[in-house]
Structures are given as C-alpha cells and as structure tokens.
C-alpha cells in the first residue's frame, strides 16, 4: 500500500491496540476460512507448517498483514495455513485447537480477545508448539514473542502532535473519541493519547464513543456533531473509524472539525491533503506479517527470541503524505 514502505522500517518512533487497528479502504470480500501459501519443493520431511489465526480479513490492515506473512512464507519455503475467525473468539479458539490436532510446527496468533486466547495459547505451548503473537499482545509468559506496534507509545506520539497544535492556537478545544472499546490495541492507543493531553489547559476530552466499522463510526460521529457542533477534533483509533468520521464530516459539510487517528489508506491520505485530517499514525502491516513468519521459523528451529519485537511507525501529515501515497 505504500509507495515507500521500506522507508518506514527506519522511521523514528516512540510508539505503537491496535485495534483494532494501514492500502485501500475496507475490503469486505468474503474469504475462505483456510488457505495455504505456496511451499517450496524441498524435502517434504523437513517442511515447516505454521498455523495462523488472524483477527479478520475484512479490514485492510489485517489483509496487509496476511500479505506480508504469505510473502515471507513463500520466500522461506514453508507452508502457511490461515484461518479467519472474523472477530469471533470462539472460532479463533477452535482454529488453534484444530491446528494442534494437525500438528503444526508453530502458531501465529492475531488475537481477537487478547485475554480470551490465553488458555488455548498456553495449551499449544505446553504441547511444544512455539507461539508468536502479532498486532495484539497476549498476556502470557508462554508466548515466544510479540511482533507489532507499541500502541501506547503511538497514542502518545499522536497526542504530542495534537498538543503542539492546540498550544500554538492558544484556544480552548473539545476532543471527541471514536474507538472500539473491546480492542486492547485501541485501548492502548487511547491511553497514551489521553495521558499526553490530560493536563493540557483548555482541553476537554468528551466521553469515548463506539466505532469500529465504517458505518457505525459514521453514525457515531453524526451523533457527536449534533450534540457538540463546536467539537474541534475527533480522535479515531483505527482505519475504519477514521474513514467513518471523514464521511460524517463530509456529509455534514463540517469544515471546522479535524481528525487525528491511525492507519492511513488512500482515501485517508486524500483527507490529509485536503486538510480534513490533521495527522495520522501509519503502521507497517506487511512488515509485521513478514517478521511474524520469520520469528516463527526461528522459534521452530530452537532460537530464543526477544519477548517484544517492535515495528516502527510513521507520523503522517500534509508535509509528508505524498512521499508514501500517490495522488
């Protein structure tokens, strides 16, 4: 999705949720429950099989992670099984149980519910299966490593950006929040953001409002604008909440309210160019996918991994959006 995705690997970061929570807009095409990436024609006895349970393949961020995983698997000559529970914890647990029955060599888990998957993840580890988590931290010391964004730090980073803007303007402001309250990733993004702005003079942060998919987020922002027509900023903690907020502002012809948020798409990039979106945090989903597969292979081969492998992010605004997204 990026014109220069490789540059992001060196991007400075405080951060990196997540959310729930960077290509094009939401992809709603139905996916088969399980697919395989091509494996090499090497010795079948030594073939590595990695079982993946993603969070959903109906949002571009996770589609891009999936793309990165399949690319890395093909390059390494390993077999990748991918299950899409579509945000259903029971289906995700069932998928992991199925992978254990199949005797996969390793697991990659993008948790639907980071606490809810702990028992089955620990069961897999007890059977000797390395477990890699990506995007959302699973709170268990049995996990071999976490690959992804430091979402609390990313929330602080976008908060610091907005803080400078607010202090430069020197005016009292209202900030609305649109978030997926069940997402640990997005909670972390919100926690970091609020920490930075909590003591800034003249800042009022309204109560968190629900929004995960685009339609719900649009309806939420429409309600926010009716109740608080003077709201200055909307903090949207994931890709589709940003796009839903953008659609609501366009529908209301509201030009005084600006958006800050996460996970840039071409549509959001255009919103940045037009000044409707002030700034966004851009993750590297393909890189997360690639590194998850590489880590799984290393763990399968007996290597001890660092408990956290952070993938840097980029703060994108009007000054640099054209570097990464073509007009």
Protein backbone atom coordinates (compact mmCIF):
# COMPACT_ATOMS: atom_id res chain seq x y z
CA UNK A 1 0.00 0.00 0.00
CA UNK A 2 2.91 2.31 0.39
CA UNK A 3 5.00 3.89 -2.27
CA UNK A 4 7.97 3.65 0.07
CA UNK A 5 7.09 1.01 2.61
CA UNK A 6 10.74 0.18 3.21
CA UNK A 7 11.42 3.69 4.49
CA UNK A 8 9.07 3.06 7.39
CA UNK A 9 11.41 0.45 8.85
CA UNK A 10 13.76 3.28 9.82
CA UNK A 11 11.10 5.75 10.79
CA UNK A 12 11.53 7.25 14.24
CA UNK A 13 9.02 6.04 16.73
CA UNK A 14 8.01 6.45 20.17
CA UNK A 15 5.49 4.09 19.79
CA UNK A 16 2.91 1.58 18.64
CA UNK A 17 -4.10 -1.51 20.12
CA UNK A 18 -4.28 -1.63 17.77
CA UNK A 19 -7.49 -2.50 17.07
CA UNK A 20 -8.06 -2.59 16.06
CA UNK A 21 -6.27 -1.17 14.17
CA UNK A 22 -2.97 0.88 7.05
CA UNK A 23 -3.73 0.13 1.04
CA UNK A 24 -7.14 0.94 0.13
CA UNK A 25 -10.34 1.16 2.13
CA UNK A 26 -12.10 -1.74 3.83
CA UNK A 27 -12.23 -4.92 1.82
CA UNK A 28 -15.48 -6.74 2.52
CA UNK A 29 -14.94 -9.62 0.13
CA UNK A 30 -15.65 -13.00 1.70
CA UNK A 31 -12.59 -15.13 2.42
CA UNK A 32 -12.27 -18.87 2.62
CA UNK A 33 -11.78 -19.98 6.22
CA UNK A 34 -8.42 -21.51 5.49
CA UNK A 35 -5.89 -21.03 2.71
CA UNK A 36 -2.33 -22.08 2.07
CA UNK A 37 0.66 -20.12 0.87
CA UNK A 38 2.87 -21.96 -1.63
CA UNK A 39 5.59 -24.10 -0.10
CA UNK A 40 8.94 -24.90 -1.64
CA UNK A 41 9.66 -28.17 -3.34
CA UNK A 42 12.27 -29.06 -0.74
CA UNK A 43 12.47 -32.25 1.30
CA UNK A 44 8.89 -32.96 2.45
CA UNK A 45 10.21 -34.48 5.68
CA UNK A 46 11.63 -31.12 6.67
CA UNK A 47 8.69 -28.98 5.57
CA UNK A 48 7.61 -26.50 8.21
CA UNK A 49 3.89 -25.83 8.66
CA UNK A 50 2.78 -22.70 10.51
CA UNK A 51 -0.83 -22.22 11.58
CA UNK A 52 -2.12 -18.64 11.54
CA UNK A 53 -5.30 -17.34 13.08
CA UNK A 54 -5.81 -13.72 12.14
CA UNK A 55 -8.38 -11.37 13.66
CA UNK A 56 -10.32 -10.70 10.45
CA UNK A 57 -9.67 -10.46 6.73
CA UNK A 58 -12.35 -7.86 6.19
CA UNK A 59 -10.18 -4.85 7.08
CA UNK A 60 -7.25 -3.62 5.03
CA UNK A 61 -4.79 -3.57 7.92
CA UNK A 62 -5.19 -7.30 8.52
CA UNK A 63 -5.28 -8.04 4.80
CA UNK A 64 -1.87 -6.36 4.54
CA UNK A 65 -0.50 -8.38 7.48
CA UNK A 66 -1.73 -11.52 5.73
CA UNK A 67 0.00 -10.42 2.54
CA UNK A 68 3.28 -9.96 4.41
CA UNK A 69 3.00 -13.37 6.07
CA UNK A 70 2.37 -15.16 2.78
CA UNK A 71 5.25 -13.35 1.12
CA UNK A 72 7.68 -14.37 3.88
CA UNK A 73 6.37 -17.95 3.90
CA UNK A 74 6.84 -18.31 0.17
CA UNK A 75 10.35 -16.89 0.32
CA UNK A 76 11.28 -19.25 3.16
CA UNK A 77 9.63 -22.28 1.59
CA UNK A 78 7.29 -23.01 4.49
CA UNK A 79 3.62 -23.95 4.45
CA UNK A 80 1.20 -21.40 5.90
CA UNK A 81 -2.35 -22.26 6.97
CA UNK A 82 -4.53 -19.17 7.52
CA UNK A 83 -7.80 -19.10 9.44
CA UNK A 84 -10.14 -16.09 9.52
CA UNK A 85 -12.45 -16.13 12.58
CA UNK A 86 -13.80 -12.68 11.66
CA UNK A 87 -13.53 -11.26 15.19
CA UNK A 88 -15.17 -14.32 16.78
CA UNK A 89 -13.20 -15.55 19.81
CA UNK A 90 -14.86 -18.98 19.85
CA UNK A 91 -13.90 -19.54 16.22
CA UNK A 92 -10.34 -18.43 16.92
CA UNK A 93 -10.00 -20.83 19.85
CA UNK A 94 -11.42 -23.62 17.70
CA UNK A 95 -8.90 -22.84 14.96
CA UNK A 96 -5.98 -23.10 17.39
CA UNK A 97 -7.33 -26.40 18.72
CA UNK A 98 -7.59 -27.64 15.14
CA UNK A 99 -4.00 -26.61 14.42
CA UNK A 100 -2.86 -28.56 17.48
CA UNK A 101 -4.68 -31.63 16.14
CA UNK A 102 -2.98 -31.18 12.78
CA UNK A 103 0.41 -30.99 14.47
CA UNK A 104 1.58 -27.66 13.08
CA UNK A 105 5.16 -26.72 13.86
CA UNK A 106 4.34 -23.21 15.02
CA UNK A 107 1.48 -20.77 15.61
CA UNK A 108 0.95 -17.10 14.77
CA UNK A 109 -1.95 -15.53 16.66
CA UNK A 110 -3.54 -12.14 15.97
CA UNK A 111 -5.83 -12.23 18.98
CA UNK A 112 -9.49 -11.34 18.71
CA UNK A 113 -9.54 -11.12 22.53
CA UNK A 114 -6.05 -10.92 23.97
CA UNK A 115 -7.06 -12.35 27.36
CA UNK A 116 -9.57 -14.82 25.94
CA UNK A 117 -6.99 -16.75 23.93
CA UNK A 118 -4.56 -17.24 26.84
CA UNK A 119 -5.73 -20.75 27.88
CA UNK A 120 -5.57 -22.25 24.39
CA UNK A 121 -2.29 -20.48 23.61
CA UNK A 122 -0.75 -21.91 26.76
CA UNK A 123 -2.12 -25.34 25.89
CA UNK A 124 -0.41 -25.16 22.50
CA UNK A 125 2.86 -24.10 24.11
CA UNK A 126 2.59 -27.00 26.57
CA UNK A 127 2.46 -29.32 23.56
CA UNK A 128 5.77 -27.89 22.40
CA UNK A 129 4.38 -25.58 19.70
CA UNK A 130 6.08 -22.16 19.54
CA UNK A 131 3.57 -19.29 19.71
CA UNK A 132 4.13 -15.92 18.03
CA UNK A 133 1.62 -13.13 18.66
CA UNK A 134 1.20 -10.19 16.31
CA UNK A 135 -0.63 -6.83 16.50
CA UNK A 136 -2.22 -7.52 19.91
CA UNK A 137 -0.22 -8.50 23.00
CA UNK A 138 -1.38 -11.75 24.63
CA UNK A 139 -0.70 -11.53 28.40
CA UNK A 140 1.14 -14.81 28.94
CA UNK A 141 4.79 -15.55 29.58
CA UNK A 142 4.38 -18.70 27.48
CA UNK A 143 4.28 -16.65 24.28
CA UNK A 144 7.62 -16.74 22.49
CA UNK A 145 7.44 -13.15 21.21
CA UNK A 146 5.15 -10.30 20.23
CA UNK A 147 5.55 -8.65 16.82
CA UNK A 148 3.93 -5.30 16.21
CA UNK A 149 3.37 -1.68 17.07
CA UNK A 150 3.86 -0.28 20.56
CA UNK A 151 0.36 1.14 20.59
CA UNK A 152 0.58 3.01 23.88
CA UNK A 153 3.64 4.89 22.62
CA UNK A 154 1.94 5.50 19.27
CA UNK A 155 -1.02 7.02 21.08
CA UNK A 156 1.36 9.31 22.95
CA UNK A 157 3.00 10.30 19.66
CA UNK A 158 -0.22 11.44 18.01
CA UNK A 159 -1.18 13.11 21.30
CA UNK A 160 2.06 15.11 21.35
CA UNK A 161 1.43 16.23 17.78
CA UNK A 162 -2.05 17.47 18.64
CA UNK A 163 -0.83 19.07 21.86
CA UNK A 164 1.61 21.26 19.89
CA UNK A 165 -1.19 22.28 17.53
CA UNK A 166 -3.51 23.17 20.41
CA UNK A 167 -0.87 25.15 22.28
CA UNK A 168 0.10 27.01 19.11
CA UNK A 169 -3.54 28.01 18.52
CA UNK A 170 -3.98 29.08 22.14
CA UNK A 171 -7.70 28.28 22.24
CA UNK A 172 -9.89 26.01 24.35
CA UNK A 173 -10.82 22.83 22.46
CA UNK A 174 -13.17 19.86 22.63
CA UNK A 175 -11.92 16.45 21.51
CA UNK A 176 -14.28 13.59 20.68
CA UNK A 177 -13.10 9.96 20.70
CA UNK A 178 -14.30 7.17 18.40
CA UNK A 179 -12.90 3.78 19.36
CA UNK A 180 -13.59 0.04 19.55
CA UNK A 181 -13.89 -0.37 23.30
CA UNK A 182 -13.39 -4.16 23.18
CA UNK A 183 -9.99 -3.82 21.48
CA UNK A 184 -6.94 -3.96 23.74
CA UNK A 185 -4.86 -2.40 20.95
CA UNK A 186 -7.17 0.60 20.65
CA UNK A 187 -7.39 0.96 24.43
CA UNK A 188 -3.62 1.33 24.49
CA UNK A 189 -3.70 3.94 21.72
CA UNK A 190 -6.31 5.87 23.65
CA UNK A 191 -4.45 5.54 26.96
CA UNK A 192 -1.29 7.05 25.52
CA UNK A 193 -3.21 9.84 23.79
CA UNK A 194 -5.13 10.82 26.93
CA UNK A 195 -2.03 10.74 29.08
CA UNK A 196 -0.38 13.42 26.96
CA UNK A 197 -3.43 15.67 26.79
CA UNK A 198 -4.93 15.11 30.24
CA UNK A 199 -3.29 18.14 31.84
CA UNK A 200 -3.22 20.50 28.87
CA UNK A 201 -5.00 23.73 29.74
CA UNK A 202 -8.24 24.33 27.87
CA UNK A 203 -8.63 20.76 26.60
CA UNK A 204 -11.88 18.87 27.18
CA UNK A 205 -11.98 15.24 26.08
CA UNK A 206 -15.56 14.01 25.64
CA UNK A 207 -16.68 10.53 26.68
CA UNK A 208 -15.46 7.70 24.43
CA UNK A 209 -17.94 6.71 21.74
CA UNK A 210 -18.14 3.32 19.97
CA UNK A 211 -16.95 2.85 16.42
CA UNK A 212 -15.14 0.01 14.69
CA UNK A 213 -16.56 -0.48 11.22
CA UNK A 214 -17.06 2.46 8.90
CA UNK A 215 -20.86 2.62 9.08
CA UNK A 216 -21.04 2.55 12.88
CA UNK A 217 -18.27 5.14 13.14
CA UNK A 218 -20.04 7.44 10.68
CA UNK A 219 -23.27 7.21 12.70
CA UNK A 220 -21.36 7.83 15.92
CA UNK A 221 -19.71 10.99 14.57
CA UNK A 222 -23.02 12.26 13.19
CA UNK A 223 -24.42 11.97 16.72
CA UNK A 224 -21.35 13.67 18.19
CA UNK A 225 -21.75 16.61 15.81
CA UNK A 226 -25.41 17.00 16.72
CA UNK A 227 -24.68 17.02 20.44
CA UNK A 228 -21.44 19.03 20.19
CA UNK A 229 -21.45 21.10 16.99
CA UNK A 230 -18.44 23.01 18.32
CA UNK A 231 -16.19 19.94 18.67
CA UNK A 232 -12.71 20.78 17.35
CA UNK A 233 -11.05 17.39 16.93
CA UNK A 234 -12.03 13.76 16.55
CA UNK A 235 -9.55 11.11 17.63
CA UNK A 236 -10.33 7.91 15.70
CA UNK A 237 -8.27 4.95 16.86
CA UNK A 238 -8.39 2.72 13.76
CA UNK A 239 -8.65 2.70 9.98
CA UNK A 240 -12.42 2.40 9.64
CA UNK A 241 -13.26 4.81 12.45
CA UNK A 242 -11.15 7.41 10.62
CA UNK A 243 -13.00 6.79 7.36
CA UNK A 244 -16.39 6.81 9.08
CA UNK A 245 -15.55 10.11 10.79
CA UNK A 246 -14.40 11.56 7.48
CA UNK A 247 -17.65 10.53 5.80
CA UNK A 248 -19.70 12.10 8.61
CA UNK A 249 -17.83 15.41 8.39
CA UNK A 250 -18.28 15.47 4.61
CA UNK A 251 -22.00 14.69 4.93
CA UNK A 252 -22.47 17.47 7.49
CA UNK A 253 -20.25 19.85 5.49
CA UNK A 254 -18.40 20.40 8.76
CA UNK A 255 -15.04 22.01 7.98
CA UNK A 256 -14.08 23.26 11.44
CA UNK A 257 -13.58 19.79 12.93
CA UNK A 258 -10.34 17.95 12.18
CA UNK A 259 -9.48 14.27 12.57
CA UNK A 260 -6.41 12.59 14.05
CA UNK A 261 -6.07 8.83 14.05
CA UNK A 262 -4.49 5.59 12.92
CA UNK A 263 -3.82 3.56 9.75
CA UNK A 264 -3.67 5.62 6.58
CA UNK A 265 -5.47 4.47 3.42
CA UNK A 266 -5.51 6.25 0.02
CA UNK A 267 -8.86 7.77 0.99
CA UNK A 268 -7.47 8.99 4.29
CA UNK A 269 -4.35 10.28 2.53
CA UNK A 270 -6.60 12.45 0.37
CA UNK A 271 -8.29 13.69 3.55
CA UNK A 272 -4.87 14.72 4.85
CA UNK A 273 -4.09 16.62 1.62
CA UNK A 274 -7.43 18.41 1.84
CA UNK A 275 -6.84 19.41 5.47
CA UNK A 276 -9.77 17.39 6.82
CA UNK A 277 -7.40 15.05 8.64
CA UNK A 278 -4.69 16.79 10.63
CA UNK A 279 -2.35 13.83 11.17
CA UNK A 280 -2.30 10.04 11.44
CA UNK A 281 -0.06 7.25 12.69
CA UNK A 282 0.90 4.85 9.93
CA UNK A 283 1.88 1.31 10.88
CA UNK A 284 3.72 -1.24 8.73
CA UNK A 285 1.29 -4.15 8.49
CA UNK A 286 3.14 -6.05 5.75
CA UNK A 287 6.33 -5.78 7.77
CA UNK A 288 4.51 -7.10 10.85
CA UNK A 289 3.38 -10.11 8.82
CA UNK A 290 6.83 -10.76 7.40
CA UNK A 291 8.55 -10.53 10.77
CA UNK A 292 5.95 -12.78 12.42
CA UNK A 293 6.72 -15.59 9.98
CA UNK A 294 10.48 -15.11 10.32
CA UNK A 295 10.16 -15.20 14.11
CA UNK A 296 8.03 -18.35 13.95
CA UNK A 297 10.65 -20.11 11.83
CA UNK A 298 13.42 -19.09 14.23
CA UNK A 299 11.42 -20.32 17.24
CA UNK A 300 10.65 -23.62 15.50
CA UNK A 301 14.38 -24.02 14.89
CA UNK A 302 15.07 -23.57 18.60
CA UNK A 303 16.15 -19.94 18.78
CA UNK A 304 15.19 -17.93 21.87
CA UNK A 305 13.52 -14.69 20.81
CA UNK A 306 13.20 -11.29 22.44
CA UNK A 307 9.81 -11.05 24.13
CA UNK A 308 8.91 -7.92 22.16
CA UNK A 309 9.90 -7.09 18.59
CA UNK A 310 8.64 -3.59 17.81
CA UNK A 311 7.91 -2.47 14.26
CA UNK A 312 8.41 1.31 13.89
CA UNK A 313 5.66 3.65 12.73
CA UNK A 314 5.46 6.95 10.90
CA UNK A 315 3.51 10.06 11.81
CA UNK A 316 1.96 11.29 8.58
CA UNK A 317 0.58 14.77 7.87
CA UNK A 318 0.33 17.16 4.94
CA UNK A 319 4.11 17.66 4.93
CA UNK A 320 4.95 14.04 4.02
CA UNK A 321 1.81 12.24 2.83
CA UNK A 322 2.83 12.48 -0.85
CA UNK A 323 6.03 10.59 -0.10
CA UNK A 324 4.02 7.47 0.63
CA UNK A 325 0.76 7.79 -1.30
CA UNK A 326 0.45 8.72 -4.96
CA UNK A 327 -2.14 11.31 -5.85
